[in-house]
Amino acid sequence: MGSRLGIRAGTGPYNVGVTDIMTAGPDKHGVFLRLFYPTEPCDIRQRRHDCPTWTPSRQYLDGYLRFIAVPKWTYPLCRLIMGNPKVPAILNAPLLKQESPSKFPVIVFSHGMGGQRTTYTVVCLEMASRGYLVASIEHRDGSASATHVIRQEDDGKTPTVEWVPMIPKPEGDEFPVRNKQVHQRADEMGHMLDLLVSIDQGSNINNLCNTGMDLSQFKGKLDLDRVAAMGHSFGGATSLVSLYKDTRLKCAVILDGWMLPVDREMYPQISQPVLFINTEVFHWPGNIVRMNRLMGRDGVDRKMITIKGTVHQSQSDFTFLFGKFFGTRVQSRGALDPHVAIDINNEASLAFLAKHLDLPGNDYNSALLEGEGEHLIKGTNVKLDPRPAKEEQVDTSVEKPTPDEAKL
């Protein structure tokens, strides 16, 4: 089903359910996320009517098109080419009932620039099919290509929907703007984890999405001693800042991390294990040098691998939405088959998570973490200047487009 519809199904033993949660909060926007979780067995091919579409509404699809600066007159054609495939998961399905394990480890996921809560559905489905509960946030810092807030009126009238605009690329030095955003993003990740704690405690959650989903079934089912962060590009930077701010996070998997927004002072203060999974063509010396600041800490497991034949979007859903001809031209597909690339990406992630969340029955392929395999490089393919460089030179050496300039 996943191949035919564009979004690939998880390969693990569990079917996957999804549900959306939006809450109000003391800040302006509250928290908005999609949960991916194991659900009861079913023939998903017979339940296509219960599967959500990849983009929740046309506004989200048009947000992607605005992000990549497609002329507005081409929107109808682009919508036709991209389509809106069904996701091979059951909307608002019940949580899987099982005695062992009785709790599900948790992943909090942060999207990249121009992303949304559904942009990494293929990765989230895989993690949930292997027994994780994945909370994929939709950030309200102005980095999402489309997101909205539901406002409840005090007079009880119909709630209003407010769309949050994306912040345009700043002129000149990006660091002040992106650093402010990454801190807001990390705070949102913390608020999302707080919400998951409340859900696990059985608290009454006012879900503004009004899905009808009974969240009480998650009471006592989240293994909050086993929580990891995961993110792509700007979401990778967000995950690192989240590690710094929140020790409830035991480790992180960074997919093609964009390191510019991270404060230099944070690097020596991050104590948790980190896995960097890089694509072959995205990175440049300044970005790798920043990653290397985390690699040398004694006694902390830090790994970096690079997947050959991949591009920045090889770790997102976009690599599965276009055929080879068109996908190559819009830089959503690399030379390596997308299914092979995402398998390596996911298996390496699962091996690292199982190790550092101390999951029982860890039989994952740990050799991937050492860069062993036909399509892997241990470390990076980026050539660095062997001469010592001043920090100022490193921090301004941006020879590649930043993520909001890259084509989806």
Protein backbone atom coordinates (compact mmCIF):
# COMPACT_ATOMS: atom_id res chain seq x y z
CA MET A 1 0.00 0.00 0.00
CA GLY A 2 2.73 2.47 0.96
CA SER A 3 4.58 2.11 -2.35
CA ARG A 4 1.46 2.48 -4.46
CA LEU A 5 0.29 5.57 -2.60
CA GLY A 6 3.67 7.27 -2.39
CA ILE A 7 4.14 7.14 1.38
CA ARG A 8 5.91 3.97 2.41
CA ALA A 9 4.50 1.84 5.22
CA GLY A 10 6.57 0.86 8.23
CA THR A 11 8.35 -2.49 8.01
CA GLY A 12 8.09 -3.45 11.68
CA PRO A 13 5.70 -5.91 13.33
CA TYR A 14 3.08 -3.33 14.33
CA ASN A 15 0.39 -1.48 12.45
CA VAL A 16 0.48 2.25 13.10
CA GLY A 17 -2.14 4.69 14.32
CA VAL A 18 -1.93 8.48 14.09
CA THR A 19 -3.76 11.31 15.79
CA ASP A 20 -3.33 15.08 16.00
CA ILE A 21 -3.22 17.06 19.24
CA MET A 22 -3.33 20.83 19.64
CA THR A 23 -3.40 22.52 23.01
CA ALA A 24 -3.61 26.10 24.16
CA GLY A 25 -0.88 27.32 26.45
CA PRO A 26 0.52 30.22 28.44
CA ASP A 27 2.52 31.28 25.38
CA LYS A 28 0.94 32.49 22.16
CA HIS A 29 0.55 29.22 20.33
CA GLY A 30 0.48 26.21 22.66
CA VAL A 31 1.63 22.86 21.23
CA PHE A 32 0.64 21.17 17.97
CA LEU A 33 1.78 17.66 17.08
CA ARG A 34 0.99 14.40 15.37
CA LEU A 35 1.32 11.17 17.35
CA PHE A 36 2.42 7.96 15.63
CA TYR A 37 2.00 4.82 17.74
CA PRO A 38 1.53 1.03 17.51
CA THR A 39 -2.08 -0.06 17.08
CA GLU A 40 -4.05 -3.28 16.85
CA PRO A 41 -3.44 -5.64 13.88
CA CYS A 42 -5.60 -5.07 10.81
CA ASP A 43 -5.47 -5.38 7.03
CA ILE A 44 -4.72 -1.76 6.27
CA ARG A 45 -5.45 -2.32 2.59
CA GLN A 46 -9.08 -2.91 3.53
CA ARG A 47 -9.21 0.26 5.62
CA ARG A 48 -8.05 2.89 3.18
CA HIS A 49 -11.04 5.05 4.10
CA ASP A 50 -9.61 5.27 7.64
CA CYS A 51 -6.18 6.46 6.45
CA PRO A 52 -5.37 10.19 6.54
CA THR A 53 -4.01 12.08 3.56
CA TRP A 54 -0.38 13.15 3.68
CA THR A 55 -1.12 16.88 3.72
CA PRO A 56 -4.02 17.69 6.07
CA SER A 57 -5.39 20.44 3.82
CA ARG A 58 -4.66 22.37 0.63
CA GLN A 59 -3.14 25.19 2.67
CA TYR A 60 -0.36 22.83 3.71
CA LEU A 61 0.43 21.76 0.16
CA ASP A 62 0.42 25.38 -0.99
CA GLY A 63 2.77 26.17 1.89
CA TYR A 64 5.35 23.81 0.41
CA LEU A 65 4.95 25.48 -2.98
CA ARG A 66 5.47 28.94 -1.50
CA PHE A 67 8.52 27.68 0.35
CA ILE A 68 10.25 26.51 -2.82
CA ALA A 69 9.21 29.73 -4.60
CA VAL A 70 7.16 28.07 -7.33
CA PRO A 71 5.28 30.64 -9.47
CA LYS A 72 1.70 30.82 -8.27
CA TRP A 73 0.31 30.17 -11.74
CA THR A 74 1.93 26.70 -11.64
CA TYR A 75 0.21 25.65 -8.39
CA PRO A 76 -2.53 23.60 -10.09
CA LEU A 77 0.06 21.62 -12.09
CA CYS A 78 2.27 21.13 -9.03
CA ARG A 79 -0.68 19.90 -6.99
CA LEU A 80 -1.42 17.40 -9.74
CA ILE A 81 2.20 16.18 -9.87
CA MET A 82 2.65 15.91 -6.10
CA GLY A 83 -0.84 14.62 -5.38
CA ASN A 84 -1.92 13.97 -1.82
CA PRO A 85 -1.36 10.28 -1.13
CA LYS A 86 -2.92 8.37 1.70
CA VAL A 87 -0.74 7.55 4.70
CA PRO A 88 -0.60 3.79 5.49
CA ALA A 89 -1.79 4.28 9.06
CA ILE A 90 -5.18 4.38 10.79
CA LEU A 91 -6.42 7.80 11.87
CA ASN A 92 -7.42 7.92 15.56
CA ALA A 93 -6.86 4.18 15.96
CA PRO A 94 -6.74 2.69 19.48
CA LEU A 95 -3.36 2.21 21.12
CA LEU A 96 -2.03 -1.34 20.97
CA LYS A 97 -2.93 -3.37 24.04
CA GLN A 98 -0.13 -5.67 25.12
CA GLU A 99 1.37 -6.97 28.33
CA SER A 100 5.01 -7.00 27.29
CA PRO A 101 6.43 -4.53 26.86
CA SER A 102 3.71 -2.65 28.70
CA LYS A 103 5.16 0.77 27.88
CA PHE A 104 6.40 2.33 24.66
CA PRO A 105 9.67 4.28 24.40
CA VAL A 106 9.22 7.82 23.11
CA ILE A 107 10.77 9.85 20.28
CA VAL A 108 10.17 13.60 20.00
CA PHE A 109 10.70 14.68 16.38
CA SER A 110 11.51 18.16 15.03
CA HIS A 111 10.99 19.09 11.37
CA GLY A 112 13.34 21.12 9.19
CA MET A 113 12.97 24.52 7.55
CA GLY A 114 9.77 24.60 5.53
CA GLY A 115 8.60 21.33 7.06
CA GLN A 116 5.42 20.42 8.90
CA ARG A 117 4.32 17.72 11.32
CA THR A 118 3.74 15.28 8.43
CA THR A 119 6.91 15.93 6.37
CA TYR A 120 8.77 12.95 7.87
CA THR A 121 5.88 10.51 7.94
CA VAL A 122 7.96 7.68 6.42
CA VAL A 123 10.53 7.87 9.23
CA CYS A 124 7.87 8.26 11.94
CA LEU A 125 5.85 5.33 10.59
CA GLU A 126 8.94 3.12 10.70
CA MET A 127 9.74 4.03 14.28
CA ALA A 128 6.14 3.45 15.40
CA SER A 129 5.98 0.12 13.55
CA ARG A 130 8.99 -0.95 15.66
CA GLY A 131 7.27 -0.14 18.94
CA TYR A 132 7.99 3.55 19.55
CA LEU A 133 5.54 6.34 20.24
CA VAL A 134 6.65 9.26 18.06
CA ALA A 135 5.52 12.82 18.73
CA SER A 136 6.16 14.93 15.63
CA ILE A 137 5.82 18.61 16.42
CA GLU A 138 4.68 21.40 14.12
CA HIS A 139 6.75 24.41 15.12
CA ARG A 140 5.23 27.87 15.51
CA ASP A 141 8.50 29.85 15.28
CA GLY A 142 7.91 30.81 11.65
CA SER A 143 9.94 27.94 10.17
CA ALA A 144 6.97 25.77 9.12
CA SER A 145 5.84 26.36 5.55
CA ALA A 146 2.28 26.22 6.89
CA THR A 147 0.78 25.86 10.34
CA HIS A 148 -2.27 27.13 12.14
CA VAL A 149 -3.64 27.88 15.57
CA ILE A 150 -7.20 27.17 16.69
CA ARG A 151 -8.56 29.88 18.97
CA GLN A 152 -11.36 29.08 21.38
CA GLU A 153 -13.65 32.05 21.86
CA ASP A 154 -14.65 32.91 25.43
CA ASP A 155 -18.26 33.36 24.36
CA GLY A 156 -18.48 29.76 23.19
CA LYS A 157 -18.78 30.63 19.52
CA THR A 158 -17.25 28.50 16.78
CA PRO A 159 -13.44 28.40 17.19
CA THR A 160 -11.42 30.49 14.76
CA VAL A 161 -8.39 29.34 12.77
CA GLU A 162 -5.33 31.59 12.54
CA TRP A 163 -2.58 30.72 10.05
CA VAL A 164 1.00 31.41 11.18
CA PRO A 165 3.17 32.91 8.40
CA MET A 166 6.64 31.65 7.63
CA ILE A 167 9.46 34.08 8.44
CA PRO A 168 11.29 35.15 5.25
CA LYS A 169 15.00 34.49 4.97
CA PRO A 170 16.82 37.32 6.78
CA GLU A 171 19.31 39.47 4.93
CA GLY A 172 22.89 39.45 6.12
CA ASP A 173 23.87 37.45 9.20
CA GLU A 174 21.30 34.72 9.80
CA PHE A 175 22.57 33.66 13.20
CA PRO A 176 20.59 36.07 15.43
CA VAL A 177 17.27 35.17 13.80
CA ARG A 178 17.93 31.43 13.56
CA ASN A 179 19.35 31.26 17.09
CA LYS A 180 16.20 32.90 18.47
CA GLN A 181 14.11 30.44 16.48
CA VAL A 182 16.05 27.38 17.60
CA HIS A 183 15.56 28.33 21.24
CA GLN A 184 11.82 28.72 20.70
CA ARG A 185 11.78 25.39 18.87
CA ALA A 186 13.63 23.64 21.69
CA ASP A 187 11.23 25.17 24.22
CA GLU A 188 8.33 23.84 22.13
CA MET A 189 9.92 20.40 22.23
CA GLY A 190 10.07 20.68 26.01
CA HIS A 191 6.42 21.75 26.18
CA MET A 192 5.51 18.79 23.98
CA LEU A 193 7.33 16.42 26.33
CA ASP A 194 5.50 18.04 29.26
CA LEU A 195 2.24 17.31 27.43
CA LEU A 196 3.24 13.67 26.96
CA VAL A 197 3.94 13.44 30.69
CA SER A 198 0.46 14.80 31.39
CA ILE A 199 -1.08 12.31 28.96
CA ASP A 200 0.81 9.46 30.63
CA GLN A 201 -0.48 10.63 34.01
CA GLY A 202 -4.05 10.48 32.74
CA SER A 203 -4.66 14.22 32.91
CA ASN A 204 -7.64 15.61 31.04
CA ILE A 205 -6.32 17.16 27.81
CA ASN A 206 -8.36 19.78 25.98
CA ASN A 207 -7.51 18.80 22.40
CA LEU A 208 -8.45 21.70 20.15
CA CYS A 209 -8.27 19.41 17.12
CA ASN A 210 -11.49 17.81 18.36
CA THR A 211 -10.58 14.40 16.92
CA GLY A 212 -12.73 12.41 19.33
CA MET A 213 -9.63 10.41 20.25
CA ASP A 214 -9.68 9.04 23.80
CA LEU A 215 -6.26 10.02 25.11
CA SER A 216 -6.91 8.30 28.45
CA GLN A 217 -5.89 5.00 26.84
CA PHE A 218 -2.28 6.30 26.84
CA LYS A 219 -2.26 6.55 30.64
CA GLY A 220 0.73 4.67 32.03
CA LYS A 221 1.77 3.51 28.55
CA LEU A 222 4.63 5.90 27.79
CA ASP A 223 8.11 4.88 28.91
CA LEU A 224 9.27 8.31 29.96
CA ASP A 225 12.59 6.94 31.20
CA ARG A 226 13.36 6.14 27.56
CA VAL A 227 12.94 9.35 25.56
CA ALA A 228 15.05 10.40 22.56
CA ALA A 229 15.12 13.45 20.30
CA MET A 230 15.26 13.22 16.53
CA GLY A 231 15.23 15.90 13.85
CA HIS A 232 16.19 16.83 10.30
CA SER A 233 18.23 19.89 9.26
CA PHE A 234 16.95 22.79 11.40
CA GLY A 235 15.24 20.07 13.42
CA GLY A 236 18.66 18.53 14.00
CA ALA A 237 19.89 21.78 15.51
CA THR A 238 16.67 21.91 17.54
CA SER A 239 17.31 18.41 18.87
CA LEU A 240 20.81 19.37 20.01
CA VAL A 241 19.59 22.48 21.81
CA SER A 242 16.85 20.34 23.35
CA LEU A 243 19.50 17.95 24.71
CA TYR A 244 21.21 20.94 26.32
CA LYS A 245 17.99 22.22 27.87
CA ASP A 246 16.26 18.99 28.85
CA THR A 247 18.04 16.11 30.55
CA ARG A 248 14.92 13.95 30.21
CA LEU A 249 16.21 13.32 26.69
CA LYS A 250 18.63 10.39 26.81
CA CYS A 251 20.12 10.68 23.31
CA ALA A 252 19.52 12.15 19.86
CA VAL A 253 19.63 11.16 16.20
CA ILE A 254 20.50 14.12 13.96
CA LEU A 255 19.52 13.78 10.30
CA ASP A 256 21.55 16.15 8.11
CA GLY A 257 21.83 18.64 10.94
CA TRP A 258 22.13 22.34 10.09
CA MET A 259 24.49 23.52 12.81
CA LEU A 260 24.58 27.30 12.33
CA PRO A 261 21.77 28.13 14.82
CA VAL A 262 23.41 26.32 17.78
CA ASP A 263 25.20 28.47 20.38
CA ARG A 264 28.92 27.73 20.48
CA GLU A 265 28.85 27.67 24.28
CA MET A 266 26.42 24.75 24.30
CA TYR A 267 28.68 22.18 22.67
CA PRO A 268 30.77 21.25 25.73
CA GLN A 269 27.62 21.19 27.89
CA ILE A 270 25.76 18.55 25.87
CA SER A 271 26.40 15.27 27.69
CA GLN A 272 24.08 12.79 25.93
CA PRO A 273 25.02 10.37 23.11
CA VAL A 274 24.47 11.69 19.57
CA LEU A 275 24.32 10.03 16.16
CA PHE A 276 24.79 12.18 13.04
CA ILE A 277 23.40 10.59 9.87
CA ASN A 278 24.50 12.75 6.95
CA THR A 279 23.64 12.75 3.27
CA GLU A 280 26.38 12.99 0.68
CA VAL A 281 25.79 16.38 -0.94
CA PHE A 282 24.33 18.68 1.73
CA HIS A 283 27.33 19.46 3.91
CA TRP A 284 30.21 21.92 3.76
CA PRO A 285 33.36 22.32 5.92
CA GLY A 286 31.91 24.82 8.39
CA ASN A 287 28.96 22.57 9.15
CA ILE A 288 31.12 19.48 9.68
CA VAL A 289 33.56 21.39 11.89
CA ARG A 290 30.67 22.29 14.16
CA MET A 291 29.58 18.65 14.28
CA ASN A 292 33.13 17.65 15.14
CA ARG A 293 32.97 19.83 18.25
CA LEU A 294 30.64 17.20 19.67
CA MET A 295 32.52 14.18 18.39
CA GLY A 296 35.58 14.29 20.59
CA ARG A 297 34.07 14.21 24.06
CA ASP A 298 35.66 11.44 26.13
CA GLY A 299 33.34 8.79 27.50
CA VAL A 300 30.29 9.85 25.44
CA ASP A 301 29.16 7.84 22.43
CA ARG A 302 29.16 10.12 19.39
CA LYS A 303 28.90 8.70 15.88
CA MET A 304 28.85 10.18 12.38
CA ILE A 305 28.04 8.29 9.19
CA THR A 306 27.33 9.44 5.64
CA ILE A 307 25.02 7.66 3.21
CA LYS A 308 26.40 7.65 -0.32
CA GLY A 309 24.23 8.75 -3.22
CA THR A 310 21.83 10.77 -1.09
CA VAL A 311 20.59 14.36 -1.03
CA HIS A 312 19.11 16.50 1.73
CA GLN A 313 15.55 15.35 1.05
CA SER A 314 16.50 11.66 1.01
CA GLN A 315 15.57 11.68 4.70
CA SER A 316 12.09 13.16 4.17
CA ASP A 317 8.89 12.07 2.45
CA PHE A 318 9.66 14.11 -0.67
CA THR A 319 12.03 11.44 -1.92
CA PHE A 320 9.02 9.10 -2.31
CA LEU A 321 6.63 11.57 -3.94
CA PHE A 322 8.37 11.98 -7.30
CA GLY A 323 9.65 9.58 -9.93
CA LYS A 324 13.33 9.40 -10.75
CA PHE A 325 13.22 11.88 -13.65
CA PHE A 326 11.35 14.67 -11.87
CA GLY A 327 12.71 13.88 -8.42
CA THR A 328 16.31 14.24 -9.59
CA ARG A 329 15.55 17.63 -11.09
CA VAL A 330 13.91 19.04 -7.99
CA GLN A 331 16.67 17.54 -5.80
CA SER A 332 14.38 15.26 -3.82
CA ARG A 333 16.15 12.09 -4.97
CA GLY A 334 19.78 11.12 -5.09
CA ALA A 335 21.55 8.41 -7.08
CA LEU A 336 20.82 5.76 -4.43
CA ASP A 337 17.41 4.10 -4.55
CA PRO A 338 15.19 5.96 -2.02
CA HIS A 339 14.06 2.72 -0.37
CA VAL A 340 17.65 1.57 0.15
CA ALA A 341 18.61 4.98 1.50
CA ILE A 342 15.74 5.21 3.98
CA ASP A 343 16.33 1.61 5.12
CA ILE A 344 19.92 2.46 6.02
CA ASN A 345 18.80 5.69 7.67
CA ASN A 346 16.14 3.96 9.76
CA GLU A 347 18.16 0.87 10.70
CA ALA A 348 21.09 2.97 11.89
CA SER A 349 18.70 5.16 13.90
CA LEU A 350 17.04 2.12 15.47
CA ALA A 351 20.38 0.55 16.38
CA PHE A 352 21.55 3.72 18.11
CA LEU A 353 18.26 4.29 19.92
CA ALA A 354 18.05 0.69 21.13
CA LYS A 355 21.58 0.90 22.50
CA HIS A 356 21.19 4.17 24.38
CA LEU A 357 17.62 3.69 25.53
CA ASP A 358 18.71 0.29 26.85
CA LEU A 359 15.91 -1.57 25.12
CA PRO A 360 15.63 -5.32 25.68
CA GLY A 361 16.20 -7.66 22.76
CA ASN A 362 18.51 -5.28 20.91
CA ASP A 363 19.33 -7.24 17.76
CA TYR A 364 19.80 -4.28 15.42
CA ASN A 365 22.68 -3.90 12.99
CA SER A 366 25.23 -2.00 15.04
CA ALA A 367 27.80 -2.31 12.24
CA LEU A 368 25.96 0.51 10.47
CA LEU A 369 27.00 2.84 13.27
CA GLU A 370 30.63 2.19 12.35
CA GLY A 371 30.01 3.08 8.72
CA GLU A 372 30.26 -0.53 7.59
CA GLY A 373 28.35 -1.24 4.41
CA GLU A 374 28.41 -0.75 0.67
CA HIS A 375 26.58 2.58 0.79
CA LEU A 376 28.15 4.07 3.91
CA ILE A 377 31.09 6.26 4.81
CA LYS A 378 32.35 6.36 8.38
CA GLY A 379 32.44 10.02 9.30
CA THR A 380 32.14 12.46 6.42
CA ASN A 381 32.95 12.78 2.73
CA VAL A 382 33.62 16.52 3.18
CA LYS A 383 37.29 17.43 2.95
CA LEU A 384 38.43 19.68 5.78
CA ASP A 385 41.44 21.98 5.84
CA PRO A 386 44.01 20.17 8.01
CA ARG A 387 45.43 23.49 9.17
CA PRO A 388 44.05 24.88 12.43
CA ALA A 389 41.30 27.41 11.77
CA LYS A 390 40.15 30.31 13.86
CA GLU A 391 36.67 29.91 15.29
CA GLU A 392 35.52 33.06 13.51
CA GLN A 393 36.59 31.62 10.17
CA VAL A 394 34.78 28.38 10.90
CA ASP A 395 31.58 30.08 11.95
CA THR A 396 31.33 32.16 8.78
CA SER A 397 32.39 29.49 6.27
CA VAL A 398 29.04 28.87 4.65
CA GLU A 399 29.77 27.75 1.11
CA LYS A 400 26.48 25.92 0.57
CA PRO A 401 22.88 27.17 0.57
CA THR A 402 21.19 27.17 3.93
CA PRO A 403 18.19 24.83 4.15
CA ASP A 404 15.58 27.44 3.26
CA GLU A 405 17.39 28.00 -0.04
CA ALA A 406 17.54 24.31 -0.93
CA LYS A 407 14.93 22.86 -3.24
CA LEU A 408 12.57 20.30 -1.79
